Amino acid sequence: MVKRRKFTAEFKAKTVLDIIANGKSVAEVSREYKIKDSVISRWKTEFLERCPTVFEQDGKQQDDRDDRIAELERMVGKLAMELEISKKVSTLLKFQ
């Protein structure tokens, strides 16, 4: 039984970028890394289909981060008010 090799995402990206950036053919990369042409072609297709989402996710993550910052700022404001009230109450209680 043939054991299947597993490749990391970094290795797949490096392989595809070798084709795109360095102008190598799929056959050249296939020979160099000893991987079938069909596998590398599939990686390339998947890479090209998903590459626009890289920038979309950054925008979504930034929106999530902004929402979280706003929530934390509200909490800080609320806690600051509670602290001020507690200080005033404690000074009033000292005089009684």
Protein backbone atom coordinates (compact mmCIF):
# COMPACT_ATOMS: atom_id res chain seq x y z
CA MET A 1 0.00 0.00 0.00
CA VAL A 2 1.36 3.40 -1.01
CA LYS A 3 1.59 5.93 1.78
CA ARG A 4 0.28 9.37 0.79
CA ARG A 5 2.54 12.33 1.33
CA LYS A 6 1.19 15.39 3.10
CA PHE A 7 2.36 18.87 2.23
CA THR A 8 2.14 21.98 4.36
CA ALA A 9 0.30 25.08 3.21
CA GLU A 10 3.63 26.93 3.12
CA PHE A 11 5.14 24.32 0.80
CA LYS A 12 2.11 24.45 -1.51
CA ALA A 13 2.27 28.25 -1.64
CA LYS A 14 6.01 28.15 -2.35
CA THR A 15 5.45 25.69 -5.17
CA VAL A 16 2.69 27.74 -6.78
CA LEU A 17 4.65 30.97 -6.39
CA ASP A 18 7.57 29.26 -8.09
CA ILE A 19 5.31 28.89 -11.13
CA ILE A 20 3.74 32.35 -10.98
CA ALA A 21 6.62 34.55 -9.86
CA ASN A 22 9.59 32.74 -11.37
CA GLY A 23 7.89 31.84 -14.64
CA LYS A 24 8.57 28.14 -14.33
CA SER A 25 6.24 25.69 -16.01
CA VAL A 26 4.15 23.18 -14.11
CA ALA A 27 6.27 20.41 -15.62
CA GLU A 28 9.52 22.01 -14.37
CA VAL A 29 8.18 22.40 -10.85
CA SER A 30 6.77 18.88 -11.00
CA ARG A 31 10.19 17.43 -11.84
CA GLU A 32 11.96 19.63 -9.30
CA TYR A 33 9.75 18.65 -6.35
CA LYS A 34 8.85 15.14 -7.62
CA ILE A 35 5.12 15.81 -7.50
CA LYS A 36 2.58 14.96 -10.20
CA ASP A 37 1.60 17.69 -12.65
CA SER A 38 -2.08 17.26 -11.83
CA VAL A 39 -1.47 17.90 -8.12
CA ILE A 40 0.49 21.08 -8.79
CA SER A 41 -2.12 22.26 -11.30
CA ARG A 42 -4.84 21.73 -8.69
CA TRP A 43 -2.82 23.70 -6.12
CA LYS A 44 -2.34 26.52 -8.62
CA THR A 45 -6.04 26.65 -9.48
CA GLU A 46 -7.01 26.63 -5.79
CA PHE A 47 -4.45 29.34 -5.03
CA LEU A 48 -5.70 31.61 -7.80
CA GLU A 49 -9.35 31.09 -6.79
CA ARG A 50 -8.73 31.90 -3.13
CA CYS A 51 -6.19 34.73 -3.40
CA PRO A 52 -8.80 37.57 -3.42
CA THR A 53 -10.14 36.40 -0.06
CA VAL A 54 -6.84 37.19 1.62
CA PHE A 55 -7.60 40.90 1.48
CA GLU A 56 -11.30 40.49 2.31
CA GLN A 57 -10.48 38.73 5.55
CA ASP A 58 -8.19 41.57 6.63
CA GLY A 59 -11.09 44.01 6.28
CA LYS A 60 -13.43 41.76 8.23
CA GLN A 61 -10.86 41.23 10.97
CA GLN A 62 -10.32 44.99 11.18
CA ASP A 63 -14.09 45.54 11.56
CA ASP A 64 -14.22 42.91 14.30
CA ARG A 65 -11.24 44.54 16.02
CA ASP A 66 -12.89 47.98 15.82
CA ASP A 67 -16.11 46.59 17.33
CA ARG A 68 -14.17 44.96 20.15
CA ILE A 69 -12.24 48.18 20.87
CA ALA A 70 -15.48 50.16 21.02
CA GLU A 71 -16.98 47.62 23.42
CA LEU A 72 -13.90 47.75 25.67
CA GLU A 73 -13.94 51.56 25.66
CA ARG A 74 -17.59 51.50 26.81
CA MET A 75 -16.67 49.08 29.59
CA VAL A 76 -13.77 51.28 30.71
CA GLY A 77 -16.07 54.31 30.80
CA LYS A 78 -18.64 52.44 32.84
CA LEU A 79 -16.01 51.20 35.29
CA ALA A 80 -14.55 54.71 35.64
CA MET A 81 -17.99 56.06 36.51
CA GLU A 82 -18.55 53.28 39.04
CA LEU A 83 -15.18 54.04 40.63
CA GLU A 84 -16.02 57.74 40.94
CA ILE A 85 -19.37 56.92 42.53
CA SER A 86 -17.71 54.50 44.94
CA LYS A 87 -15.16 57.15 45.93
CA LYS A 88 -17.91 59.71 46.62
CA VAL A 89 -19.95 57.22 48.63
CA SER A 90 -16.93 56.21 50.69
CA THR A 91 -16.12 59.87 51.52
CA LEU A 92 -19.75 60.47 52.53
CA LEU A 93 -19.77 57.41 54.76
CA LYS A 94 -16.59 58.55 56.54
CA PHE A 95 -18.30 61.72 57.78
CA GLN A 96 -21.27 59.95 59.32
